[in-house]
Amino acid sequence: MDKELIKKQSLEVIEEVLPELDVATVDTSASITDDYDVNSVSIIKLLVGLEDKFNVEFDDSELALNKYESFDDVIESVEKKMN
């Protein structure tokens, strides 16, 4: 699966998990905590949604909010698990 498709599908999951965000205007390189108020519960929901979408698994140590500065970081983690 190519990077653009992974990003597109990841943004769909972000939109499902965080419906208050308009993914069409989300800056994926911006801080998820400072700019989008993502908290530790939201990041776990997002990662679980990505696990289901891409059939990948995040270790418990990867479920911490401090592991991800931006949505790009989250998407990159999915890409690494896909390859």
N, C-alpha and C. Protein backbone atom coordinates (compact mmCIF):
# COMPACT_ATOMS: atom_id res chain seq x y z
N MET A 1 0.85 -1.18 0.00
CA MET A 1 0.00 0.00 0.00
C MET A 1 0.89 1.24 0.00
N ASP A 2 0.59 2.20 -0.85
CA ASP A 2 1.45 3.38 -0.94
C ASP A 2 1.14 4.41 0.15
N LYS A 3 2.09 5.31 0.37
CA LYS A 3 1.99 6.28 1.45
C LYS A 3 0.75 7.15 1.36
N GLU A 4 0.40 7.59 0.14
CA GLU A 4 -0.76 8.47 -0.02
C GLU A 4 -2.05 7.76 0.37
N LEU A 5 -2.17 6.50 0.00
CA LEU A 5 -3.37 5.74 0.35
C LEU A 5 -3.45 5.51 1.86
N ILE A 6 -2.31 5.20 2.47
CA ILE A 6 -2.27 5.04 3.93
C ILE A 6 -2.68 6.34 4.61
N LYS A 7 -2.16 7.46 4.11
CA LYS A 7 -2.50 8.76 4.70
C LYS A 7 -3.99 9.05 4.53
N LYS A 8 -4.52 8.82 3.34
CA LYS A 8 -5.93 9.08 3.06
C LYS A 8 -6.82 8.25 3.99
N GLN A 9 -6.52 6.97 4.10
CA GLN A 9 -7.32 6.09 4.94
C GLN A 9 -7.13 6.40 6.42
N SER A 10 -5.95 6.83 6.81
CA SER A 10 -5.70 7.23 8.19
C SER A 10 -6.53 8.46 8.54
N LEU A 11 -6.60 9.41 7.60
CA LEU A 11 -7.41 10.61 7.83
C LEU A 11 -8.89 10.25 7.97
N GLU A 12 -9.35 9.23 7.26
CA GLU A 12 -10.73 8.77 7.42
C GLU A 12 -10.96 8.26 8.84
N VAL A 13 -9.99 7.52 9.37
CA VAL A 13 -10.11 7.01 10.74
C VAL A 13 -10.07 8.17 11.73
N ILE A 14 -9.19 9.15 11.49
CA ILE A 14 -9.11 10.33 12.35
C ILE A 14 -10.47 11.02 12.39
N GLU A 15 -11.10 11.15 11.23
CA GLU A 15 -12.41 11.80 11.14
C GLU A 15 -13.48 11.02 11.91
N GLU A 16 -13.41 9.68 11.87
CA GLU A 16 -14.37 8.86 12.60
C GLU A 16 -14.18 8.98 14.11
N VAL A 17 -12.92 8.96 14.53
CA VAL A 17 -12.61 8.95 15.97
C VAL A 17 -12.72 10.35 16.56
N LEU A 18 -12.36 11.36 15.77
CA LEU A 18 -12.38 12.75 16.24
C LEU A 18 -13.29 13.57 15.33
N PRO A 19 -14.60 13.35 15.42
CA PRO A 19 -15.53 14.01 14.48
C PRO A 19 -15.54 15.54 14.59
N GLU A 20 -15.01 16.06 15.67
CA GLU A 20 -14.95 17.52 15.81
C GLU A 20 -13.91 18.15 14.89
N LEU A 21 -13.03 17.34 14.33
CA LEU A 21 -12.01 17.84 13.41
C LEU A 21 -12.50 17.76 11.97
N ASP A 22 -12.19 18.78 11.22
CA ASP A 22 -12.46 18.76 9.78
C ASP A 22 -11.16 18.34 9.11
N VAL A 23 -11.07 17.06 8.72
CA VAL A 23 -9.81 16.54 8.20
C VAL A 23 -9.39 17.24 6.91
N ALA A 24 -10.32 17.87 6.22
CA ALA A 24 -9.97 18.60 5.00
C ALA A 24 -9.06 19.79 5.31
N THR A 25 -9.14 20.29 6.55
CA THR A 25 -8.33 21.45 6.92
C THR A 25 -7.27 21.13 7.97
N VAL A 26 -7.19 19.87 8.38
CA VAL A 26 -6.20 19.48 9.40
C VAL A 26 -4.80 19.57 8.83
N ASP A 27 -3.91 20.22 9.60
CA ASP A 27 -2.49 20.25 9.26
C ASP A 27 -1.86 19.05 9.96
N THR A 28 -1.55 18.01 9.19
CA THR A 28 -1.06 16.77 9.80
C THR A 28 0.30 16.92 10.46
N SER A 29 1.00 18.02 10.18
CA SER A 29 2.30 18.24 10.81
C SER A 29 2.19 19.08 12.09
N ALA A 30 1.02 19.59 12.38
CA ALA A 30 0.82 20.43 13.58
C ALA A 30 0.77 19.55 14.83
N SER A 31 0.98 20.18 15.96
CA SER A 31 0.95 19.47 17.24
C SER A 31 -0.46 18.95 17.53
N ILE A 32 -0.57 17.65 17.77
CA ILE A 32 -1.89 17.10 18.03
C ILE A 32 -2.43 17.52 19.40
N THR A 33 -1.54 17.80 20.34
CA THR A 33 -2.02 18.21 21.67
C THR A 33 -2.28 19.71 21.72
N ASP A 34 -1.38 20.51 21.18
CA ASP A 34 -1.52 21.96 21.26
C ASP A 34 -2.55 22.51 20.28
N ASP A 35 -2.56 21.98 19.05
CA ASP A 35 -3.43 22.54 18.02
C ASP A 35 -4.79 21.84 17.91
N TYR A 36 -4.85 20.56 18.30
CA TYR A 36 -6.09 19.81 18.11
C TYR A 36 -6.66 19.20 19.40
N ASP A 37 -6.06 19.53 20.53
CA ASP A 37 -6.56 19.09 21.84
C ASP A 37 -6.77 17.58 21.94
N VAL A 38 -5.92 16.81 21.27
CA VAL A 38 -5.99 15.36 21.39
C VAL A 38 -5.45 14.98 22.77
N ASN A 39 -6.20 14.14 23.48
CA ASN A 39 -5.76 13.70 24.80
C ASN A 39 -5.41 12.21 24.77
N SER A 40 -5.03 11.66 25.91
CA SER A 40 -4.57 10.28 25.94
C SER A 40 -5.68 9.29 25.57
N VAL A 41 -6.91 9.58 25.92
CA VAL A 41 -8.02 8.69 25.56
C VAL A 41 -8.24 8.74 24.04
N SER A 42 -8.19 9.94 23.48
CA SER A 42 -8.39 10.10 22.03
C SER A 42 -7.31 9.37 21.23
N ILE A 43 -6.07 9.44 21.69
CA ILE A 43 -4.99 8.80 20.93
C ILE A 43 -5.16 7.28 20.97
N ILE A 44 -5.61 6.74 22.09
CA ILE A 44 -5.83 5.29 22.18
C ILE A 44 -6.96 4.89 21.23
N LYS A 45 -8.05 5.66 21.23
CA LYS A 45 -9.16 5.37 20.31
C LYS A 45 -8.69 5.43 18.86
N LEU A 46 -7.86 6.43 18.56
CA LEU A 46 -7.34 6.58 17.20
C LEU A 46 -6.47 5.38 16.82
N LEU A 47 -5.57 5.00 17.69
CA LEU A 47 -4.68 3.88 17.39
C LEU A 47 -5.45 2.57 17.25
N VAL A 48 -6.46 2.36 18.07
CA VAL A 48 -7.28 1.16 17.95
C VAL A 48 -8.03 1.18 16.62
N GLY A 49 -8.54 2.34 16.22
CA GLY A 49 -9.20 2.47 14.93
C GLY A 49 -8.26 2.16 13.78
N LEU A 50 -7.02 2.61 13.89
CA LEU A 50 -6.02 2.34 12.86
C LEU A 50 -5.64 0.87 12.84
N GLU A 51 -5.58 0.25 14.02
CA GLU A 51 -5.31 -1.19 14.07
C GLU A 51 -6.38 -1.95 13.29
N ASP A 52 -7.63 -1.59 13.52
CA ASP A 52 -8.74 -2.26 12.83
C ASP A 52 -8.70 -2.00 11.33
N LYS A 53 -8.44 -0.77 10.93
CA LYS A 53 -8.46 -0.38 9.52
C LYS A 53 -7.35 -1.08 8.73
N PHE A 54 -6.15 -1.12 9.31
CA PHE A 54 -4.98 -1.61 8.58
C PHE A 54 -4.53 -3.01 8.99
N ASN A 55 -5.24 -3.61 9.95
CA ASN A 55 -4.88 -4.94 10.42
C ASN A 55 -3.42 -4.97 10.93
N VAL A 56 -3.09 -3.97 11.75
CA VAL A 56 -1.78 -3.89 12.39
C VAL A 56 -2.01 -3.89 13.90
N GLU A 57 -0.93 -3.97 14.65
CA GLU A 57 -1.05 -3.97 16.10
C GLU A 57 -0.02 -3.04 16.71
N PHE A 58 -0.49 -2.19 17.61
CA PHE A 58 0.39 -1.31 18.38
C PHE A 58 0.66 -1.96 19.72
N ASP A 59 1.93 -1.98 20.13
CA ASP A 59 2.28 -2.48 21.46
C ASP A 59 1.75 -1.51 22.51
N ASP A 60 1.57 -2.00 23.73
CA ASP A 60 1.11 -1.14 24.81
C ASP A 60 1.99 0.09 24.96
N SER A 61 3.29 -0.07 24.75
CA SER A 61 4.22 1.06 24.91
C SER A 61 3.99 2.13 23.84
N GLU A 62 3.34 1.77 22.73
CA GLU A 62 3.08 2.72 21.66
C GLU A 62 1.75 3.46 21.84
N LEU A 63 1.01 3.14 22.86
CA LEU A 63 -0.29 3.75 23.08
C LEU A 63 -0.22 5.04 23.89
N ALA A 64 0.95 5.55 24.14
CA ALA A 64 1.13 6.76 24.93
C ALA A 64 1.09 8.00 24.04
N LEU A 65 0.39 9.00 24.51
CA LEU A 65 0.24 10.25 23.77
C LEU A 65 1.59 10.90 23.49
N ASN A 66 2.54 10.78 24.43
CA ASN A 66 3.84 11.44 24.25
C ASN A 66 4.70 10.82 23.15
N LYS A 67 4.25 9.72 22.56
CA LYS A 67 4.97 9.09 21.45
C LYS A 67 4.72 9.80 20.13
N TYR A 68 3.70 10.65 20.08
CA TYR A 68 3.28 11.26 18.81
C TYR A 68 3.13 12.78 18.97
N GLU A 69 3.91 13.50 18.18
CA GLU A 69 3.82 14.96 18.19
C GLU A 69 2.73 15.44 17.23
N SER A 70 2.55 14.72 16.13
CA SER A 70 1.62 15.15 15.08
C SER A 70 0.89 13.94 14.49
N PHE A 71 -0.13 14.22 13.68
CA PHE A 71 -0.80 13.14 12.98
C PHE A 71 0.16 12.47 12.00
N ASP A 72 1.11 13.24 11.46
CA ASP A 72 2.12 12.64 10.58
C ASP A 72 2.89 11.54 11.31
N ASP A 73 3.20 11.76 12.58
CA ASP A 73 3.90 10.74 13.37
C ASP A 73 3.06 9.47 13.50
N VAL A 74 1.77 9.65 13.72
CA VAL A 74 0.86 8.51 13.84
C VAL A 74 0.80 7.76 12.51
N ILE A 75 0.64 8.49 11.42
CA ILE A 75 0.54 7.89 10.09
C ILE A 75 1.85 7.17 9.74
N GLU A 76 2.97 7.77 10.10
CA GLU A 76 4.27 7.13 9.85
C GLU A 76 4.40 5.81 10.61
N SER A 77 3.86 5.76 11.81
CA SER A 77 3.89 4.51 12.58
C SER A 77 3.10 3.42 11.86
N VAL A 78 1.96 3.78 11.28
CA VAL A 78 1.16 2.82 10.53
C VAL A 78 1.95 2.36 9.31
N GLU A 79 2.57 3.30 8.61
CA GLU A 79 3.36 2.96 7.41
C GLU A 79 4.45 1.95 7.74
N LYS A 80 5.14 2.17 8.86
CA LYS A 80 6.22 1.26 9.25
C LYS A 80 5.67 -0.14 9.55
N LYS A 81 4.49 -0.20 10.16
CA LYS A 81 3.90 -1.49 10.47
C LYS A 81 3.40 -2.20 9.22
N MET A 82 3.07 -1.45 8.19
CA MET A 82 2.57 -2.03 6.95
C MET A 82 3.70 -2.61 6.10
N ASN A 83 4.92 -2.14 6.31
CA ASN A 83 6.06 -2.59 5.49
C ASN A 83 6.94 -3.58 6.21
